[in-house]
Amino acid sequence: MTTTRTLADGREIPVLGLGVWQVRDGRECADSVRWALEAGYRHIDTAQAYGNEDSVGRALRDSGVPRDEVYITTKFNPGRKDPVAELDGSLERLGVEFVDLYLVHWPAGGPTRAWDGMQKAQRSGQARSIGVSNFGTGDIDAVLAVADIPPALNQIQFSPFEYRRDLREHCESRNIAVEAYSPLGTGRHLDDKEVAAIAERQGRTPAQILIRWSLQRGLIVLPKSTHQDRIAQNAEVFDFELTGDELAALDALDRTGGTGRALERTWW
């Protein structure tokens, strides 16, 4: 399996990245990013709302990995007014001249409110690609109705347990890539008996099984960990495949009814 995917805007994105949601700013975040880069990750996902962009930037600089080899995503906090002004702050904290991907973190104030500013951020060159996060089918269509530049990607909660088929198909039919956050259910899904049984048969960890499922379902995937060994293990997912029966067994774990909603309960 290839380790990158070409987005609708023609830019490539690594299909595996490290997510740093709920990772504390400071040493914990910097170490996690450094370990990921040492393990071969070339995609780091942060956000203004996470409060750890400084640590991501410091780890990137200290790693010695050239900037043009690392794909960096951050997200506009829609509790703020101006995506361009907020991106200026992100670039300063990250210590970079541009981000590879800039997302509207959630559709606060309506799904289209921030889109004009997001397009300005891309036209200025400060964001190579732009997209959304936590947008359901109706939110996606609202943005497409007004967009000069369509979103390249929708980052959503996705796993076998949150198998949002309708939303994935809706996005893909509109050339919008789907990216999975919390693919391990913030650890909750690792203890599932079906996942464990497949992991034992495959000689893999439960986390590797869940990440591999996302990849074979055509998703970009962002596992999060703050443990060096698990960060490295989570990247070892390109040298095996789940069988058709195993994929079907994992698909059957869905608890969303194949929804077109991005979340069952929203926080905004």
Protein backbone atom coordinates (compact mmCIF):
# COMPACT_ATOMS: atom_id res chain seq x y z
CA MET A 1 0.00 0.00 0.00
CA THR A 2 1.23 3.49 -0.80
CA THR A 3 2.07 5.70 2.14
CA THR A 4 0.70 8.89 0.59
CA ARG A 5 -2.52 9.99 -1.07
CA THR A 6 -3.11 12.75 -3.58
CA LEU A 7 -5.82 15.18 -2.54
CA ALA A 8 -8.24 16.75 -5.02
CA ASP A 9 -6.09 19.90 -5.12
CA GLY A 10 -3.16 17.83 -6.39
CA ARG A 11 -1.10 17.87 -3.18
CA GLU A 12 0.08 14.71 -1.48
CA ILE A 13 -0.63 13.84 2.14
CA PRO A 14 0.92 10.97 4.13
CA VAL A 15 -1.85 8.51 5.01
CA LEU A 16 -0.47 7.96 8.52
CA GLY A 17 0.11 10.81 10.94
CA LEU A 18 0.59 11.47 14.63
CA GLY A 19 -2.28 13.26 16.35
CA VAL A 20 -1.50 15.37 19.42
CA TRP A 21 -4.99 16.08 20.75
CA GLN A 22 -4.93 15.90 24.57
CA VAL A 23 -1.12 15.82 24.61
CA ARG A 24 0.21 18.31 27.15
CA ASP A 25 2.23 21.26 25.86
CA GLY A 26 5.86 21.02 26.86
CA ARG A 27 8.03 17.95 27.16
CA GLU A 28 5.23 15.38 26.67
CA CYS A 29 4.21 16.82 23.31
CA ALA A 30 7.75 17.58 22.14
CA ASP A 31 8.91 14.06 23.00
CA SER A 32 5.92 12.47 21.24
CA VAL A 33 6.57 14.41 18.05
CA ARG A 34 10.31 13.74 18.19
CA TRP A 35 9.76 10.01 18.69
CA ALA A 36 7.30 9.96 15.81
CA LEU A 37 9.73 11.64 13.47
CA GLU A 38 12.47 9.22 14.57
CA ALA A 39 10.09 6.33 13.82
CA GLY A 40 9.52 7.60 10.28
CA TYR A 41 6.29 9.57 10.62
CA ARG A 42 6.17 12.53 8.27
CA HIS A 43 2.75 13.91 9.19
CA ILE A 44 1.93 15.76 12.44
CA ASP A 45 -1.59 16.98 13.27
CA THR A 46 -2.17 19.75 15.83
CA ALA A 47 -4.66 22.59 16.35
CA GLN A 48 -4.90 26.05 17.84
CA ALA A 49 -7.36 24.72 20.42
CA TYR A 50 -4.90 22.04 21.57
CA GLY A 51 -2.51 24.65 22.95
CA ASN A 52 0.60 22.70 21.93
CA GLU A 53 1.70 24.21 18.61
CA ASP A 54 4.83 25.62 20.29
CA SER A 55 5.94 22.14 21.31
CA VAL A 56 5.24 20.70 17.87
CA GLY A 57 7.35 23.43 16.31
CA ARG A 58 10.18 22.95 18.79
CA ALA A 59 10.26 19.20 18.20
CA LEU A 60 10.30 19.72 14.44
CA ARG A 61 13.24 22.13 14.65
CA ASP A 62 15.16 19.91 17.07
CA SER A 63 14.57 16.77 14.99
CA GLY A 64 16.83 17.81 12.15
CA VAL A 65 14.25 16.55 9.65
CA PRO A 66 13.92 19.11 6.84
CA ARG A 67 10.71 21.13 6.93
CA ASP A 68 9.78 20.15 3.40
CA GLU A 69 9.71 16.48 4.43
CA VAL A 70 7.12 16.92 7.20
CA TYR A 71 3.42 17.46 6.55
CA ILE A 72 1.97 19.78 9.20
CA THR A 73 -1.74 20.25 9.87
CA THR A 74 -3.28 22.77 12.21
CA LYS A 75 -6.86 23.88 12.71
CA PHE A 76 -8.65 27.21 12.99
CA ASN A 77 -10.41 27.64 16.31
CA PRO A 78 -13.86 28.84 15.16
CA GLY A 79 -14.43 30.48 18.51
CA ARG A 80 -12.13 33.16 17.11
CA LYS A 81 -13.03 35.60 14.34
CA ASP A 82 -10.47 35.55 11.54
CA PRO A 83 -8.84 32.39 10.13
CA VAL A 84 -6.03 34.40 8.52
CA ALA A 85 -5.09 36.27 11.70
CA GLU A 86 -5.23 33.07 13.74
CA LEU A 87 -3.05 31.26 11.21
CA ASP A 88 -0.45 34.01 11.58
CA GLY A 89 -0.24 33.09 15.25
CA SER A 90 -0.04 29.37 14.45
CA LEU A 91 2.83 29.90 12.02
CA GLU A 92 4.74 31.89 14.63
CA ARG A 93 4.21 29.22 17.28
CA LEU A 94 5.11 26.41 14.90
CA GLY A 95 8.11 28.31 13.55
CA VAL A 96 7.19 27.68 9.92
CA GLU A 97 6.26 29.82 6.93
CA PHE A 98 3.22 27.75 5.95
CA VAL A 99 1.18 24.75 7.02
CA ASP A 100 0.44 21.94 4.62
CA LEU A 101 -3.19 21.68 5.72
CA TYR A 102 -5.45 24.14 7.58
CA LEU A 103 -8.84 22.96 8.77
CA VAL A 104 -11.93 24.60 10.27
CA HIS A 105 -11.96 22.68 13.55
CA TRP A 106 -15.76 22.46 13.90
CA PRO A 107 -18.74 24.27 12.30
CA ALA A 108 -19.33 26.84 15.02
CA GLY A 109 -21.36 29.82 13.87
CA GLY A 110 -22.50 27.85 10.83
CA PRO A 111 -20.47 25.72 8.43
CA THR A 112 -19.75 28.52 5.97
CA ARG A 113 -18.80 31.31 8.38
CA ALA A 114 -15.05 30.79 8.23
CA TRP A 115 -14.69 29.58 4.66
CA ASP A 116 -13.91 32.90 3.01
CA GLY A 117 -11.03 33.39 5.43
CA MET A 118 -9.81 29.84 4.83
CA GLN A 119 -9.70 30.51 1.08
CA LYS A 120 -7.72 33.70 1.73
CA ALA A 121 -5.24 31.68 3.80
CA GLN A 122 -4.68 29.31 0.90
CA ARG A 123 -4.42 32.05 -1.71
CA SER A 124 -1.79 33.80 0.41
CA GLY A 125 0.34 30.66 0.46
CA GLN A 126 0.18 30.33 4.25
CA ALA A 127 -1.84 27.12 3.86
CA ARG A 128 -1.09 24.73 1.02
CA SER A 129 -4.44 22.92 1.36
CA ILE A 130 -7.62 23.74 3.28
CA GLY A 131 -10.41 21.61 4.66
CA VAL A 132 -12.80 21.01 7.53
CA SER A 133 -13.20 18.86 10.62
CA ASN A 134 -16.28 17.50 12.38
CA PHE A 135 -18.51 18.45 9.43
CA GLY A 136 -21.52 16.26 8.65
CA THR A 137 -23.13 15.77 5.25
CA GLY A 138 -25.26 18.91 5.45
CA ASP A 139 -22.29 20.99 6.59
CA ILE A 140 -20.23 19.73 3.66
CA ASP A 141 -22.91 20.63 1.14
CA ALA A 142 -23.34 24.09 2.65
CA VAL A 143 -19.62 24.80 2.18
CA LEU A 144 -19.58 23.43 -1.36
CA ALA A 145 -22.49 25.70 -2.27
CA VAL A 146 -20.46 28.84 -1.54
CA ALA A 147 -16.86 27.71 -2.07
CA ASP A 148 -14.54 28.91 -4.79
CA ILE A 149 -12.00 26.46 -3.39
CA PRO A 150 -13.68 23.27 -2.14
CA PRO A 151 -12.42 21.60 1.03
CA ALA A 152 -9.80 18.99 0.25
CA LEU A 153 -10.41 16.93 3.39
CA ASN A 154 -12.82 16.31 6.27
CA GLN A 155 -11.24 15.11 9.51
CA ILE A 156 -13.76 13.18 11.61
CA GLN A 157 -14.02 10.68 14.42
CA PHE A 158 -13.79 7.35 12.62
CA SER A 159 -13.09 3.71 13.50
CA PRO A 160 -14.85 0.36 13.15
CA PHE A 161 -16.97 1.45 16.11
CA GLU A 162 -17.73 4.82 14.49
CA TYR A 163 -18.04 3.62 10.91
CA ARG A 164 -19.79 6.65 9.41
CA ARG A 165 -20.42 5.09 6.02
CA ASP A 166 -22.86 7.71 4.77
CA LEU A 167 -20.52 10.55 5.67
CA ARG A 168 -17.49 8.85 4.15
CA GLU A 169 -19.34 8.09 0.92
CA HIS A 170 -20.78 11.61 0.82
CA CYS A 171 -17.31 13.13 1.10
CA GLU A 172 -15.63 10.77 -1.34
CA SER A 173 -18.31 11.30 -3.97
CA ARG A 174 -17.40 15.00 -3.79
CA ASN A 175 -13.63 14.39 -4.00
CA ILE A 176 -13.13 15.22 -0.33
CA ALA A 177 -10.71 12.90 1.47
CA VAL A 178 -11.71 11.51 4.86
CA GLU A 179 -9.23 11.55 7.72
CA ALA A 180 -9.83 9.54 10.91
CA TYR A 181 -9.12 10.96 14.33
CA SER A 182 -9.43 8.85 17.49
CA PRO A 183 -9.06 5.64 15.45
CA LEU A 184 -8.30 3.81 18.71
CA GLY A 185 -11.24 5.37 20.54
CA THR A 186 -8.76 7.16 22.83
CA GLY A 187 -7.79 3.65 23.93
CA ARG A 188 -11.31 2.35 24.54
CA HIS A 189 -11.38 0.14 21.47
CA LEU A 190 -8.15 -1.69 22.22
CA ASP A 191 -9.83 -4.06 24.69
CA ASP A 192 -12.60 -5.22 22.36
CA LYS A 193 -12.72 -9.01 22.06
CA GLU A 194 -13.13 -9.07 18.27
CA VAL A 195 -10.23 -6.66 17.77
CA ALA A 196 -8.09 -8.72 20.17
CA ALA A 197 -8.93 -11.98 18.38
CA ILE A 198 -7.95 -10.57 15.00
CA ALA A 199 -4.76 -9.12 16.50
CA GLU A 200 -3.83 -12.54 17.91
CA ARG A 201 -4.41 -14.27 14.56
CA GLN A 202 -2.39 -11.65 12.72
CA GLY A 203 0.40 -11.50 15.31
CA ARG A 204 -0.18 -7.77 15.67
CA THR A 205 -1.28 -5.33 18.35
CA PRO A 206 -4.93 -4.28 18.63
CA ALA A 207 -3.87 -0.74 17.74
CA GLN A 208 -2.21 -1.96 14.54
CA ILE A 209 -5.40 -3.80 13.58
CA LEU A 210 -7.54 -0.68 14.05
CA ILE A 211 -5.10 1.53 12.14
CA ARG A 212 -4.83 -1.01 9.34
CA TRP A 213 -8.64 -1.14 9.08
CA SER A 214 -8.70 2.61 8.48
CA LEU A 215 -6.04 2.35 5.79
CA GLN A 216 -7.82 -0.49 3.99
CA ARG A 217 -11.06 1.49 4.14
CA GLY A 218 -9.30 4.29 2.22
CA LEU A 219 -8.85 6.71 5.11
CA ILE A 220 -6.00 8.89 6.25
CA VAL A 221 -5.46 8.00 9.91
CA LEU A 222 -4.12 9.83 12.98
CA PRO A 223 -3.34 7.54 15.92
CA LYS A 224 -2.25 9.31 19.09
CA SER A 225 0.16 8.04 21.72
CA THR A 226 2.66 9.52 24.15
CA HIS A 227 4.63 6.26 24.55
CA GLN A 228 7.71 5.83 22.40
CA ASP A 229 7.26 2.11 21.81
CA ARG A 230 3.59 2.44 20.86
CA ILE A 231 4.27 5.35 18.55
CA ALA A 232 6.78 3.16 16.70
CA GLN A 233 4.46 0.13 16.68
CA ASN A 234 1.58 2.20 15.31
CA ALA A 235 3.66 2.97 12.22
CA GLU A 236 4.29 -0.71 11.46
CA VAL A 237 1.07 -1.17 9.52
CA PHE A 238 2.18 -1.29 5.88
CA ASP A 239 3.51 -4.86 5.79
CA PHE A 240 0.32 -6.85 6.38
CA GLU A 241 -3.30 -6.93 5.26
CA LEU A 242 -6.59 -7.76 6.93
CA THR A 243 -8.61 -10.42 5.15
CA GLY A 244 -12.07 -9.77 3.76
CA ASP A 245 -13.61 -11.70 6.65
CA GLU A 246 -11.61 -9.69 9.17
CA LEU A 247 -12.67 -6.41 7.59
CA ALA A 248 -16.29 -7.52 7.68
CA ALA A 249 -16.03 -8.53 11.33
CA LEU A 250 -14.61 -5.12 12.19
CA ASP A 251 -17.23 -3.33 10.09
CA ALA A 252 -19.91 -5.06 12.16
CA LEU A 253 -18.67 -3.29 15.31
CA ASP A 254 -20.19 0.01 14.13
CA ARG A 255 -22.38 1.74 16.70
CA THR A 256 -23.47 4.70 14.58
CA GLY A 257 -25.78 3.00 12.10
CA GLY A 258 -23.56 4.23 9.27
CA THR A 259 -24.52 7.82 10.02
CA GLY A 260 -23.92 10.94 7.97
CA ARG A 261 -23.33 12.89 11.18
CA ALA A 262 -19.81 13.75 12.26
CA LEU A 263 -20.56 13.22 15.95
CA GLU A 264 -23.43 11.77 17.94
CA ARG A 265 -23.12 14.57 20.50
CA THR A 266 -21.59 17.93 19.64
CA TRP A 267 -19.72 20.23 22.01
CA TRP A 268 -20.54 23.49 20.19
